[in-house]
């Protein structure tokens, strides 16, 4: 959902989360996540890596940005556009010395 339209009081389905549409909701479901509440306290990097493993596909790193935004929101943060997490993702990966899809190189 567009972050500007998210109403925290009405977040019931995965697609009610900022930046989460049907495709991302399906990705979360592949990981066993059925409700937004399950994202609270989750590790978005681990979820992204698990998604790549489960699907056998190297996903676009922007998928990690969306995961970061959804988890931060469920941890009480504001609804923000997924691209506002790109710099954070790049810093995370630089710090760890890897890329989100390093296992696929």
PDB file of N, CA and C in Angstrom:
ATOM      1  N   UNK A   1       0.833  -1.169   0.000  1.00  0.00           N
ATOM      2  CA  UNK A   1       0.000   0.000   0.000  1.00  0.00           C
ATOM      3  C   UNK A   1       0.885   1.243   0.000  1.00  0.00           C
ATOM      4  N   UNK A   2       0.390   2.264  -0.613  1.00  0.00           N
ATOM      5  CA  UNK A   2       1.090   3.546  -0.623  1.00  0.00           C
ATOM      6  C   UNK A   2       1.258   4.013   0.817  1.00  0.00           C
ATOM      7  N   UNK A   3       2.475   4.352   1.233  1.00  0.00           N
ATOM      8  CA  UNK A   3       2.704   4.764   2.626  1.00  0.00           C
ATOM      9  C   UNK A   3       1.819   5.923   3.071  1.00  0.00           C
ATOM     10  N   UNK A   4       1.470   6.822   2.160  1.00  0.00           N
ATOM     11  CA  UNK A   4       0.629   7.963   2.521  1.00  0.00           C
ATOM     12  C   UNK A   4      -0.793   7.546   2.872  1.00  0.00           C
ATOM     13  N   UNK A   5      -1.186   6.350   2.492  1.00  0.00           N
ATOM     14  CA  UNK A   5      -2.556   5.890   2.726  1.00  0.00           C
ATOM     15  C   UNK A   5      -2.669   4.889   3.874  1.00  0.00           C
ATOM     16  N   UNK A   6      -1.554   4.554   4.497  1.00  0.00           N
ATOM     17  CA  UNK A   6      -1.567   3.554   5.567  1.00  0.00           C
ATOM     18  C   UNK A   6      -2.173   4.155   6.831  1.00  0.00           C
ATOM     19  N   UNK A   7      -3.102   3.418   7.394  1.00  0.00           N
ATOM     20  CA  UNK A   7      -3.717   3.774   8.671  1.00  0.00           C
ATOM     21  C   UNK A   7      -3.346   2.657   9.653  1.00  0.00           C
ATOM     22  N   UNK A   8      -2.450   2.966  10.564  1.00  0.00           N
ATOM     23  CA  UNK A   8      -1.933   1.952  11.488  1.00  0.00           C
ATOM     24  C   UNK A   8      -3.070   1.202  12.194  1.00  0.00           C
ATOM     25  N   UNK A   9      -4.147   1.883  12.500  1.00  0.00           N
ATOM     26  CA  UNK A   9      -5.263   1.251  13.203  1.00  0.00           C
ATOM     27  C   UNK A   9      -5.999   0.234  12.331  1.00  0.00           C
ATOM     28  N   UNK A  10      -5.779   0.294  11.026  1.00  0.00           N
ATOM     29  CA  UNK A  10      -6.492  -0.605  10.110  1.00  0.00           C
ATOM     30  C   UNK A  10      -5.569  -1.603   9.414  1.00  0.00           C
ATOM     31  N   UNK A  11      -4.411  -1.828   9.963  1.00  0.00           N
ATOM     32  CA  UNK A  11      -3.483  -2.798   9.382  1.00  0.00           C
ATOM     33  C   UNK A  11      -3.863  -4.185   9.875  1.00  0.00           C
ATOM     34  N   UNK A  12      -4.481  -4.939   8.992  1.00  0.00           N
ATOM     35  CA  UNK A  12      -4.901  -6.302   9.318  1.00  0.00           C
ATOM     36  C   UNK A  12      -4.273  -7.319   8.373  1.00  0.00           C
ATOM     37  N   UNK A  13      -4.187  -6.958   7.107  1.00  0.00           N
ATOM     38  CA  UNK A  13      -3.633  -7.844   6.085  1.00  0.00           C
ATOM     39  C   UNK A  13      -2.241  -7.363   5.709  1.00  0.00           C
ATOM     40  N   UNK A  14      -1.443  -8.253   5.143  1.00  0.00           N
ATOM     41  CA  UNK A  14      -0.094  -7.873   4.710  1.00  0.00           C
ATOM     42  C   UNK A  14      -0.135  -6.713   3.719  1.00  0.00           C
ATOM     43  N   UNK A  15      -1.123  -6.689   2.857  1.00  0.00           N
ATOM     44  CA  UNK A  15      -1.215  -5.616   1.856  1.00  0.00           C
ATOM     45  C   UNK A  15      -1.652  -4.285   2.462  1.00  0.00           C
ATOM     46  N   UNK A  16      -1.958  -4.258   3.747  1.00  0.00           N
ATOM     47  CA  UNK A  16      -2.253  -3.000   4.436  1.00  0.00           C
ATOM     48  C   UNK A  16      -0.969  -2.296   4.867  1.00  0.00           C
ATOM     49  N   UNK A  17       0.153  -2.996   4.783  1.00  0.00           N
ATOM     50  CA  UNK A  17       1.441  -2.437   5.190  1.00  0.00           C
ATOM     51  C   UNK A  17       1.982  -1.482   4.137  1.00  0.00           C
ATOM     52  N   UNK A  18       2.798  -0.518   4.547  1.00  0.00           N
ATOM     53  CA  UNK A  18       3.407   0.387   3.578  1.00  0.00           C
ATOM     54  C   UNK A  18       4.239  -0.389   2.561  1.00  0.00           C
ATOM     55  N   UNK A  19       4.063  -0.066   1.299  1.00  0.00           N
ATOM     56  CA  UNK A  19       4.855  -0.609   0.187  1.00  0.00           C
ATOM     57  C   UNK A  19       4.578  -2.066  -0.148  1.00  0.00           C
ATOM     58  N   UNK A  20       3.654  -2.697   0.540  1.00  0.00           N
ATOM     59  CA  UNK A  20       3.383  -4.121   0.321  1.00  0.00           C
ATOM     60  C   UNK A  20       2.142  -4.276  -0.554  1.00  0.00           C
ATOM     61  N   UNK A  21       2.364  -4.867  -1.721  1.00  0.00           N
ATOM     62  CA  UNK A  21       1.279  -5.203  -2.618  1.00  0.00           C
ATOM     63  C   UNK A  21       1.119  -6.706  -2.655  1.00  0.00           C
ATOM     64  N   UNK A  22       0.326  -7.204  -3.593  1.00  0.00           N
ATOM     65  CA  UNK A  22       0.085  -8.639  -3.669  1.00  0.00           C
ATOM     66  C   UNK A  22       1.349  -9.488  -3.846  1.00  0.00           C
ATOM     67  N   UNK A  23       2.305  -9.032  -4.641  1.00  0.00           N
ATOM     68  CA  UNK A  23       3.522  -9.825  -4.881  1.00  0.00           C
ATOM     69  C   UNK A  23       4.357  -9.948  -3.612  1.00  0.00           C
ATOM     70  N   UNK A  24       4.530  -8.850  -2.900  1.00  0.00           N
ATOM     71  CA  UNK A  24       5.316  -8.903  -1.663  1.00  0.00           C
ATOM     72  C   UNK A  24       4.570  -9.691  -0.591  1.00  0.00           C
ATOM     73  N   UNK A  25       3.258  -9.545  -0.546  1.00  0.00           N
ATOM     74  CA  UNK A  25       2.474 -10.339   0.404  1.00  0.00           C
ATOM     75  C   UNK A  25       2.690 -11.826   0.136  1.00  0.00           C
ATOM     76  N   UNK A  26       2.715 -12.198  -1.132  1.00  0.00           N
ATOM     77  CA  UNK A  26       2.954 -13.602  -1.490  1.00  0.00           C
ATOM     78  C   UNK A  26       4.360 -14.035  -1.056  1.00  0.00           C
ATOM     79  N   UNK A  27       5.343 -13.140  -1.216  1.00  0.00           N
ATOM     80  CA  UNK A  27       6.706 -13.457  -0.762  1.00  0.00           C
ATOM     81  C   UNK A  27       6.718 -13.712   0.741  1.00  0.00           C
ATOM     82  N   UNK A  28       6.050 -12.841   1.502  1.00  0.00           N
ATOM     83  CA  UNK A  28       5.991 -13.046   2.949  1.00  0.00           C
ATOM     84  C   UNK A  28       5.311 -14.373   3.278  1.00  0.00           C
ATOM     85  N   UNK A  29       4.244 -14.683   2.570  1.00  0.00           N
ATOM     86  CA  UNK A  29       3.527 -15.934   2.817  1.00  0.00           C
ATOM     87  C   UNK A  29       4.406 -17.145   2.523  1.00  0.00           C
ATOM     88  N   UNK A  30       5.257 -17.053   1.507  1.00  0.00           N
ATOM     89  CA  UNK A  30       6.206 -18.140   1.222  1.00  0.00           C
ATOM     90  C   UNK A  30       7.122 -18.395   2.410  1.00  0.00           C
ATOM     91  N   UNK A  31       7.324 -17.355   3.202  1.00  0.00           N
ATOM     92  CA  UNK A  31       8.209 -17.449   4.371  1.00  0.00           C
ATOM     93  C   UNK A  31       7.440 -17.810   5.637  1.00  0.00           C
ATOM     94  N   UNK A  32       6.157 -18.091   5.493  1.00  0.00           N
ATOM     95  CA  UNK A  32       5.346 -18.476   6.639  1.00  0.00           C
ATOM     96  C   UNK A  32       4.738 -17.307   7.387  1.00  0.00           C
ATOM     97  N   UNK A  33       4.843 -16.116   6.821  1.00  0.00           N
ATOM     98  CA  UNK A  33       4.289 -14.927   7.465  1.00  0.00           C
ATOM     99  C   UNK A  33       2.900 -14.685   6.882  1.00  0.00           C
ATOM    100  N   UNK A  34       1.902 -14.783   7.741  1.00  0.00           N
ATOM    101  CA  UNK A  34       0.519 -14.644   7.303  1.00  0.00           C
ATOM    102  C   UNK A  34      -0.116 -13.332   7.748  1.00  0.00           C
ATOM    103  N   UNK A  35       0.477 -12.686   8.757  1.00  0.00           N
ATOM    104  CA  UNK A  35      -0.113 -11.455   9.276  1.00  0.00           C
ATOM    105  C   UNK A  35       0.973 -10.416   9.546  1.00  0.00           C
ATOM    106  N   UNK A  36       0.612  -9.141   9.492  1.00  0.00           N
ATOM    107  CA  UNK A  36       1.593  -8.087   9.765  1.00  0.00           C
ATOM    108  C   UNK A  36       2.268  -8.230  11.122  1.00  0.00           C
ATOM    109  N   UNK A  37       1.526  -8.663  12.127  1.00  0.00           N
ATOM    110  CA  UNK A  37       2.083  -8.782  13.483  1.00  0.00           C
ATOM    111  C   UNK A  37       3.306  -9.693  13.522  1.00  0.00           C
ATOM    112  N   UNK A  38       3.374 -10.661  12.619  1.00  0.00           N
ATOM    113  CA  UNK A  38       4.511 -11.589  12.599  1.00  0.00           C
ATOM    114  C   UNK A  38       5.808 -10.906  12.173  1.00  0.00           C
ATOM    115  N   UNK A  39       5.714  -9.709  11.619  1.00  0.00           N
ATOM    116  CA  UNK A  39       6.919  -8.993  11.191  1.00  0.00           C
ATOM    117  C   UNK A  39       7.565  -8.195  12.322  1.00  0.00           C
ATOM    118  N   UNK A  40       6.827  -7.943  13.377  1.00  0.00           N
ATOM    119  CA  UNK A  40       7.385  -7.196  14.509  1.00  0.00           C
ATOM    120  C   UNK A  40       8.565  -7.973  15.079  1.00  0.00           C
ATOM    121  N   UNK A  41       9.698  -7.324  15.157  1.00  0.00           N
ATOM    122  CA  UNK A  41      10.901  -7.950  15.697  1.00  0.00           C
ATOM    123  C   UNK A  41      11.636  -8.857  14.728  1.00  0.00           C
ATOM    124  N   UNK A  42      11.141  -8.980  13.506  1.00  0.00           N
ATOM    125  CA  UNK A  42      11.787  -9.848  12.511  1.00  0.00           C
ATOM    126  C   UNK A  42      13.073  -9.210  11.993  1.00  0.00           C
ATOM    127  N   UNK A  43      13.929 -10.020  11.423  1.00  0.00           N
ATOM    128  CA  UNK A  43      15.172  -9.561  10.800  1.00  0.00           C
ATOM    129  C   UNK A  43      14.934  -9.494   9.293  1.00  0.00           C
ATOM    130  N   UNK A  44      14.778  -8.288   8.730  1.00  0.00           N
ATOM    131  CA  UNK A  44      14.467  -8.179   7.307  1.00  0.00           C
ATOM    132  C   UNK A  44      15.552  -8.755   6.397  1.00  0.00           C
ATOM    133  N   UNK A  45      16.810  -8.665   6.800  1.00  0.00           N
ATOM    134  CA  UNK A  45      17.898  -9.218   5.985  1.00  0.00           C
ATOM    135  C   UNK A  45      17.776 -10.742   5.944  1.00  0.00           C
ATOM    136  N   UNK A  46      17.529 -11.345   7.096  1.00  0.00           N
ATOM    137  CA  UNK A  46      17.364 -12.799   7.140  1.00  0.00           C
ATOM    138  C   UNK A  46      16.150 -13.229   6.328  1.00  0.00           C
ATOM    139  N   UNK A  47      15.073 -12.457   6.386  1.00  0.00           N
ATOM    140  CA  UNK A  47      13.881 -12.783   5.586  1.00  0.00           C
ATOM    141  C   UNK A  47      14.203 -12.734   4.101  1.00  0.00           C
ATOM    142  N   UNK A  48      14.939 -11.704   3.692  1.00  0.00           N
ATOM    143  CA  UNK A  48      15.313 -11.562   2.283  1.00  0.00           C
ATOM    144  C   UNK A  48      16.171 -12.754   1.840  1.00  0.00           C
ATOM    145  N   UNK A  49      17.156 -13.094   2.640  1.00  0.00           N
ATOM    146  CA  UNK A  49      18.024 -14.212   2.288  1.00  0.00           C
ATOM    147  C   UNK A  49      17.240 -15.520   2.234  1.00  0.00           C
ATOM    148  N   UNK A  50      16.320 -15.687   3.158  1.00  0.00           N
ATOM    149  CA  UNK A  50      15.477 -16.882   3.161  1.00  0.00           C
ATOM    150  C   UNK A  50      14.607 -16.923   1.907  1.00  0.00           C
ATOM    151  N   UNK A  51      14.080 -15.781   1.495  1.00  0.00           N
ATOM    152  CA  UNK A  51      13.257 -15.730   0.283  1.00  0.00           C
ATOM    153  C   UNK A  51      14.077 -16.169  -0.932  1.00  0.00           C
ATOM    154  N   UNK A  52      15.301 -15.685  -1.027  1.00  0.00           N
ATOM    155  CA  UNK A  52      16.168 -16.079  -2.143  1.00  0.00           C
ATOM    156  C   UNK A  52      16.416 -17.589  -2.124  1.00  0.00           C
ATOM    157  N   UNK A  53      16.623 -18.137  -0.950  1.00  0.00           N
ATOM    158  CA  UNK A  53      16.858 -19.580  -0.828  1.00  0.00           C
ATOM    159  C   UNK A  53      15.612 -20.388  -1.184  1.00  0.00           C
ATOM    160  N   UNK A  54      14.475 -19.984  -0.645  1.00  0.00           N
ATOM    161  CA  UNK A  54      13.221 -20.711  -0.856  1.00  0.00           C
ATOM    162  C   UNK A  54      12.814 -20.722  -2.328  1.00  0.00           C
ATOM    163  N   UNK A  55      13.004 -19.592  -2.991  1.00  0.00           N
ATOM    164  CA  UNK A  55      12.570 -19.478  -4.383  1.00  0.00           C
ATOM    165  C   UNK A  55      13.655 -19.911  -5.368  1.00  0.00           C
ATOM    166  N   UNK A  56      14.900 -19.963  -4.899  1.00  0.00           N
ATOM    167  CA  UNK A  56      15.991 -20.301  -5.806  1.00  0.00           C
ATOM    168  C   UNK A  56      16.277 -19.205  -6.815  1.00  0.00           C
ATOM    169  N   UNK A  57      15.876 -17.991  -6.462  1.00  0.00           N
ATOM    170  CA  UNK A  57      16.014 -16.841  -7.358  1.00  0.00           C
ATOM    171  C   UNK A  57      16.721 -15.714  -6.618  1.00  0.00           C
ATOM    172  N   UNK A  58      17.581 -15.021  -7.327  1.00  0.00           N
ATOM    173  CA  UNK A  58      18.210 -13.829  -6.758  1.00  0.00           C
ATOM    174  C   UNK A  58      17.219 -12.682  -6.922  1.00  0.00           C
ATOM    175  N   UNK A  59      16.646 -12.233  -5.830  1.00  0.00           N
ATOM    176  CA  UNK A  59      15.665 -11.155  -5.881  1.00  0.00           C
ATOM    177  C   UNK A  59      16.358  -9.802  -5.927  1.00  0.00           C
ATOM    178  N   UNK A  60      15.677  -8.854  -6.508  1.00  0.00           N
ATOM    179  CA  UNK A  60      16.170  -7.489  -6.583  1.00  0.00           C
ATOM    180  C   UNK A  60      16.411  -6.966  -5.164  1.00  0.00           C
ATOM    181  N   UNK A  61      17.532  -6.303  -4.920  1.00  0.00           N
ATOM    182  CA  UNK A  61      17.801  -5.763  -3.582  1.00  0.00           C
ATOM    183  C   UNK A  61      16.725  -4.794  -3.095  1.00  0.00           C
ATOM    184  N   UNK A  62      15.969  -4.199  -4.010  1.00  0.00           N
ATOM    185  CA  UNK A  62      14.883  -3.306  -3.595  1.00  0.00           C
ATOM    186  C   UNK A  62      13.820  -4.067  -2.808  1.00  0.00           C
ATOM    187  N   UNK A  63      13.746  -5.380  -3.012  1.00  0.00           N
ATOM    188  CA  UNK A  63      12.839  -6.202  -2.212  1.00  0.00           C
ATOM    189  C   UNK A  63      13.232  -6.101  -0.745  1.00  0.00           C
ATOM    190  N   UNK A  64      14.524  -6.070  -0.480  1.00  0.00           N
ATOM    191  CA  UNK A  64      14.990  -5.907   0.893  1.00  0.00           C
ATOM    192  C   UNK A  64      14.567  -4.547   1.435  1.00  0.00           C
ATOM    193  N   UNK A  65      14.595  -3.518   0.598  1.00  0.00           N
ATOM    194  CA  UNK A  65      14.148  -2.194   1.034  1.00  0.00           C
ATOM    195  C   UNK A  65      12.691  -2.257   1.497  1.00  0.00           C
ATOM    196  N   UNK A  66      11.862  -2.973   0.755  1.00  0.00           N
ATOM    197  CA  UNK A  66      10.452  -3.127   1.125  1.00  0.00           C
ATOM    198  C   UNK A  66      10.340  -3.893   2.439  1.00  0.00           C
ATOM    199  N   UNK A  67      11.117  -4.959   2.581  1.00  0.00           N
ATOM    200  CA  UNK A  67      11.106  -5.722   3.827  1.00  0.00           C
ATOM    201  C   UNK A  67      11.524  -4.831   5.001  1.00  0.00           C
ATOM    202  N   UNK A  68      12.561  -4.019   4.799  1.00  0.00           N
ATOM    203  CA  UNK A  68      13.013  -3.097   5.846  1.00  0.00           C
ATOM    204  C   UNK A  68      11.888  -2.146   6.246  1.00  0.00           C
ATOM    205  N   UNK A  69      11.178  -1.618   5.250  1.00  0.00           N
ATOM    206  CA  UNK A  69      10.109  -0.662   5.541  1.00  0.00           C
ATOM    207  C   UNK A  69       8.970  -1.318   6.303  1.00  0.00           C
ATOM    208  N   UNK A  70       8.597  -2.529   5.920  1.00  0.00           N
ATOM    209  CA  UNK A  70       7.485  -3.220   6.579  1.00  0.00           C
ATOM    210  C   UNK A  70       7.831  -3.578   8.020  1.00  0.00           C
ATOM    211  N   UNK A  71       9.044  -4.075   8.234  1.00  0.00           N
ATOM    212  CA  UNK A  71       9.453  -4.450   9.592  1.00  0.00           C
ATOM    213  C   UNK A  71       9.572  -3.210  10.473  1.00  0.00           C
ATOM    214  N   UNK A  72      10.165  -2.149   9.943  1.00  0.00           N
ATOM    215  CA  UNK A  72      10.278  -0.926  10.752  1.00  0.00           C
ATOM    216  C   UNK A  72       8.897  -0.412  11.137  1.00  0.00           C
ATOM    217  N   UNK A  73       7.954  -0.435  10.200  1.00  0.00           N
ATOM    218  CA  UNK A  73       6.601   0.014  10.487  1.00  0.00           C
ATOM    219  C   UNK A  73       5.980  -0.838  11.592  1.00  0.00           C
ATOM    220  N   UNK A  74       6.126  -2.138  11.496  1.00  0.00           N
ATOM    221  CA  UNK A  74       5.547  -3.027  12.507  1.00  0.00           C
ATOM    222  C   UNK A  74       6.263  -2.914  13.848  1.00  0.00           C
ATOM    223  N   UNK A  75       7.457  -2.354  13.845  1.00  0.00           N
ATOM    224  CA  UNK A  75       8.175  -2.097  15.097  1.00  0.00           C
ATOM    225  C   UNK A  75       7.851  -0.705  15.647  1.00  0.00           C
ATOM    226  N   UNK A  76       6.864  -0.023  15.038  1.00  0.00           N
ATOM    227  CA  UNK A  76       6.411   1.264  15.546  1.00  0.00           C
ATOM    228  C   UNK A  76       6.890   2.476  14.773  1.00  0.00           C
ATOM    229  N   UNK A  77       7.680   2.261  13.725  1.00  0.00           N
ATOM    230  CA  UNK A  77       8.172   3.377  12.929  1.00  0.00           C
ATOM    231  C   UNK A  77       7.098   3.953  12.025  1.00  0.00           C
ATOM    232  N   UNK A  78       7.414   5.068  11.403  1.00  0.00           N
ATOM    233  CA  UNK A  78       6.447   5.700  10.511  1.00  0.00           C
ATOM    234  C   UNK A  78       6.339   4.953   9.180  1.00  0.00           C
ATOM    235  N   UNK A  79       5.242   5.160   8.500  1.00  0.00           N
ATOM    236  CA  UNK A  79       5.072   4.621   7.147  1.00  0.00           C
ATOM    237  C   UNK A  79       5.919   5.491   6.217  1.00  0.00           C
ATOM    238  N   UNK A  80       6.921   4.859   5.583  1.00  0.00           N
ATOM    239  CA  UNK A  80       7.815   5.593   4.676  1.00  0.00           C
ATOM    240  C   UNK A  80       7.928   4.830   3.373  1.00  0.00           C
ATOM    241  N   UNK A  81       8.231   5.551   2.309  1.00  0.00           N
ATOM    242  CA  UNK A  81       8.412   4.937   0.995  1.00  0.00           C
ATOM    243  C   UNK A  81       9.597   3.977   1.032  1.00  0.00           C
ATOM    244  N   UNK A  82       9.498   2.890   0.265  1.00  0.00           N
ATOM    245  CA  UNK A  82      10.552   1.860   0.302  1.00  0.00           C
ATOM    246  C   UNK A  82      11.904   2.421  -0.105  1.00  0.00           C
ATOM    247  N   UNK A  83      11.937   3.373  -1.033  1.00  0.00           N
ATOM    248  CA  UNK A  83      13.232   3.886  -1.506  1.00  0.00           C
ATOM    249  C   UNK A  83      13.951   4.717  -0.447  1.00  0.00           C
ATOM    250  N   UNK A  84      13.240   5.095   0.602  1.00  0.00           N
ATOM    251  CA  UNK A  84      13.899   5.795   1.694  1.00  0.00           C
ATOM    252  C   UNK A  84      14.787   4.842   2.506  1.00  0.00           C
ATOM    253  N   UNK A  85      14.697   3.550   2.240  1.00  0.00           N
ATOM    254  CA  UNK A  85      15.497   2.546   2.935  1.00  0.00           C
ATOM    255  C   UNK A  85      16.705   2.085   2.126  1.00  0.00           C
ATOM    256  N   UNK A  86      16.833   2.560   0.902  1.00  0.00           N
ATOM    257  CA  UNK A  86      17.922   2.108   0.034  1.00  0.00           C
ATOM    258  C   UNK A  86      19.291   2.429   0.628  1.00  0.00           C
ATOM    259  N   UNK A  87      19.485   3.640   1.091  1.00  0.00           N
ATOM    260  CA  UNK A  87      20.779   4.016   1.673  1.00  0.00           C
ATOM    261  C   UNK A  87      21.070   3.180   2.923  1.00  0.00           C
ATOM    262  N   UNK A  88      20.044   2.940   3.721  1.00  0.00           N
ATOM    263  CA  UNK A  88      20.210   2.105   4.925  1.00  0.00           C
ATOM    264  C   UNK A  88      20.632   0.689   4.533  1.00  0.00           C
ATOM    265  N   UNK A  89      19.969   0.122   3.521  1.00  0.00           N
ATOM    266  CA  UNK A  89      20.326  -1.224   3.049  1.00  0.00           C
ATOM    267  C   UNK A  89      21.775  -1.255   2.589  1.00  0.00           C
ATOM    268  N   UNK A  90      22.186  -0.261   1.837  1.00  0.00           N
ATOM    269  CA  UNK A  90      23.559  -0.231   1.329  1.00  0.00           C
ATOM    270  C   UNK A  90      24.566  -0.122   2.463  1.00  0.00           C
ATOM    271  N   UNK A  91      24.237   0.661   3.494  1.00  0.00           N
ATOM    272  CA  UNK A  91      25.134   0.752   4.661  1.00  0.00           C
ATOM    273  C   UNK A  91      25.201  -0.580   5.397  1.00  0.00           C
ATOM    274  N   UNK A  92      24.056  -1.220   5.566  1.00  0.00           N
ATOM    275  CA  UNK A  92      24.023  -2.529   6.225  1.00  0.00           C
ATOM    276  C   UNK A  92      24.912  -3.530   5.497  1.00  0.00           C
ATOM    277  N   UNK A  93      24.785  -3.555   4.191  1.00  0.00           N
ATOM    278  CA  UNK A  93      25.534  -4.522   3.399  1.00  0.00           C
ATOM    279  C   UNK A  93      27.021  -4.179   3.374  1.00  0.00           C
ATOM    280  N   UNK A  94      27.356  -2.898   3.345  1.00  0.00           N
ATOM    281  CA  UNK A  94      28.766  -2.501   3.365  1.00  0.00           C
ATOM    282  C   UNK A  94      29.400  -2.881   4.700  1.00  0.00           C
ATOM    283  N   UNK A  95      28.650  -2.683   5.780  1.00  0.00           N
ATOM    284  CA  UNK A  95      29.144  -3.024   7.111  1.00  0.00           C
ATOM    285  C   UNK A  95      29.395  -4.514   7.255  1.00  0.00           C
ATOM    286  N   UNK A  96      28.522  -5.306   6.648  1.00  0.00           N
ATOM    287  CA  UNK A  96      28.666  -6.752   6.769  1.00  0.00           C
ATOM    288  C   UNK A  96      29.629  -7.315   5.713  1.00  0.00           C
ATOM    289  N   UNK A  97      30.038  -6.445   4.778  1.00  0.00           N
ATOM    290  CA  UNK A  97      30.958  -6.899   3.746  1.00  0.00           C
ATOM    291  C   UNK A  97      30.310  -7.767   2.696  1.00  0.00           C
ATOM    292  N   UNK A  98      29.001  -7.658   2.554  1.00  0.00           N
ATOM    293  CA  UNK A  98      28.302  -8.470   1.579  1.00  0.00           C
ATOM    294  C   UNK A  98      27.230  -7.651   0.877  1.00  0.00           C
ATOM    295  N   UNK A  99      26.609  -8.304  -0.062  1.00  0.00           N
ATOM    296  CA  UNK A  99      25.433  -7.732  -0.698  1.00  0.00           C
ATOM    297  C   UNK A  99      24.268  -8.609  -0.290  1.00  0.00           C
ATOM    298  N   UNK A 100      23.039  -8.135  -0.412  1.00  0.00           N
ATOM    299  CA  UNK A 100      21.920  -8.955   0.030  1.00  0.00           C
ATOM    300  C   UNK A 100      21.796 -10.251  -0.742  1.00  0.00           C
ATOM    301  N   UNK A 101      22.425 -10.322  -1.904  1.00  0.00           N
ATOM    302  CA  UNK A 101      22.317 -11.529  -2.697  1.00  0.00           C
ATOM    303  C   UNK A 101      23.681 -12.155  -2.947  1.00  0.00           C
ATOM    304  N   UNK A 102      24.615 -11.946  -2.028  1.00  0.00           N
ATOM    305  CA  UNK A 102      25.984 -12.444  -2.210  1.00  0.00           C
ATOM    306  C   UNK A 102      26.021 -13.958  -2.419  1.00  0.00           C
ATOM    307  N   UNK A 103      25.106 -14.657  -1.786  1.00  0.00           N
ATOM    308  CA  UNK A 103      25.118 -16.115  -1.912  1.00  0.00           C
ATOM    309  C   UNK A 103      24.865 -16.567  -3.341  1.00  0.00           C
ATOM    310  N   UNK A 104      24.385 -15.691  -4.204  1.00  0.00           N
ATOM    311  CA  UNK A 104      24.044 -16.081  -5.577  1.00  0.00           C
ATOM    312  C   UNK A 104      25.126 -15.699  -6.574  1.00  0.00           C
ATOM    313  N   UNK A 105      26.242 -15.160  -6.100  1.00  0.00           N
ATOM    314  CA  UNK A 105      27.346 -14.801  -7.022  1.00  0.00           C
ATOM    315  C   UNK A 105      28.362 -15.918  -7.111  1.00  0.00           C
TER     316      UNK A 105
END
